[in-house]
Protein backbone atom coordinates (compact mmCIF):
# COMPACT_ATOMS: atom_id res chain seq x y z
CA MET A 1 0.07 0.03 0.03
CA ALA A 2 1.15 3.53 -0.86
CA ASN A 3 2.25 5.79 1.92
CA ILE A 4 2.56 9.04 -0.06
CA LYS A 5 -0.59 11.00 -0.66
CA GLN A 6 0.11 11.46 -4.44
CA GLN A 7 0.61 7.70 -4.74
CA LYS A 8 -2.74 7.01 -3.06
CA LYS A 9 -4.40 9.44 -5.42
CA ARG A 10 -2.70 7.81 -8.42
CA ILE A 11 -3.97 4.38 -7.43
CA LEU A 12 -7.45 5.67 -7.33
CA VAL A 13 -7.10 7.39 -10.72
CA ALA A 14 -5.74 4.27 -12.26
CA GLU A 15 -8.49 2.22 -10.91
CA ARG A 16 -11.13 4.54 -12.28
CA GLN A 17 -9.41 4.47 -15.67
CA ARG A 18 -9.20 0.70 -15.70
CA MET A 19 -12.97 0.44 -15.01
CA GLU A 20 -13.69 2.86 -17.68
CA ASN A 21 -11.52 1.02 -20.24
CA ILE A 22 -13.32 -2.32 -19.30
CA ARG A 23 -16.64 -0.62 -19.93
CA TYR A 24 -15.55 0.76 -23.33
CA ARG A 25 -13.94 -2.52 -24.33
CA SER A 26 -17.15 -4.53 -23.40
CA SER A 27 -19.26 -2.18 -25.49
CA ILE A 28 -17.08 -2.27 -28.49
CA LYS A 29 -17.02 -6.09 -28.32
CA THR A 30 -20.81 -6.24 -28.15
CA ALA A 31 -21.28 -3.74 -31.01
CA PHE A 32 -18.81 -5.88 -33.11
CA ARG A 33 -20.69 -9.10 -32.20
CA ARG A 34 -23.98 -7.48 -33.31
CA LEU A 35 -22.46 -6.22 -36.55
CA ILE A 36 -21.17 -9.77 -37.38
CA GLU A 37 -24.64 -11.18 -36.55
CA ALA A 38 -26.24 -8.58 -38.79
CA VAL A 39 -23.93 -9.41 -41.66
CA GLN A 40 -24.69 -13.17 -41.30
CA SER A 41 -28.47 -12.47 -41.25
CA GLY A 42 -28.18 -10.69 -44.55
CA ASP A 43 -30.37 -7.70 -43.72
CA ALA A 44 -28.85 -4.72 -45.35
CA ALA A 45 -30.59 -2.15 -43.10
CA ALA A 46 -29.43 -3.88 -39.93
CA VAL A 47 -26.03 -4.23 -41.34
CA GLU A 48 -25.84 -0.45 -41.93
CA ALA A 49 -27.32 0.45 -38.48
CA ALA A 50 -24.88 -1.94 -36.66
CA HIS A 51 -21.89 -0.70 -38.75
CA GLN A 52 -22.64 3.01 -37.90
CA HIS A 53 -23.05 2.20 -34.19
CA PHE A 54 -19.84 0.24 -34.23
CA ILE A 55 -17.94 2.93 -35.94
CA ALA A 56 -19.32 5.66 -33.57
CA LEU A 57 -18.06 3.69 -30.51
CA VAL A 58 -14.60 3.07 -32.03
CA ASP A 59 -14.31 6.76 -33.02
CA ARG A 60 -15.38 7.93 -29.59
CA GLU A 61 -12.81 5.51 -27.99
CA ILE A 62 -10.09 6.76 -30.39
CA GLY A 63 -10.85 10.49 -29.37
CA ARG A 64 -10.94 9.51 -25.73
CA ALA A 65 -7.58 7.65 -25.78
CA HIS A 66 -4.66 9.33 -23.94
CA VAL A 67 -1.67 9.92 -26.30
């Protein structure tokens, strides 16, 4: 366990970021799975909607990423 105040804060920030990353990763995986299912079903409208949703999630994550 950290003894320095800044280290304690950094541990909390890292945990919060880890949970946020898990949430984004899960939603992107779900959107990709739904896109694959839509492609396999052959419904063009469903494919387009699933693709738009997937791209929006990926773009949001790219914009959020820390460089």
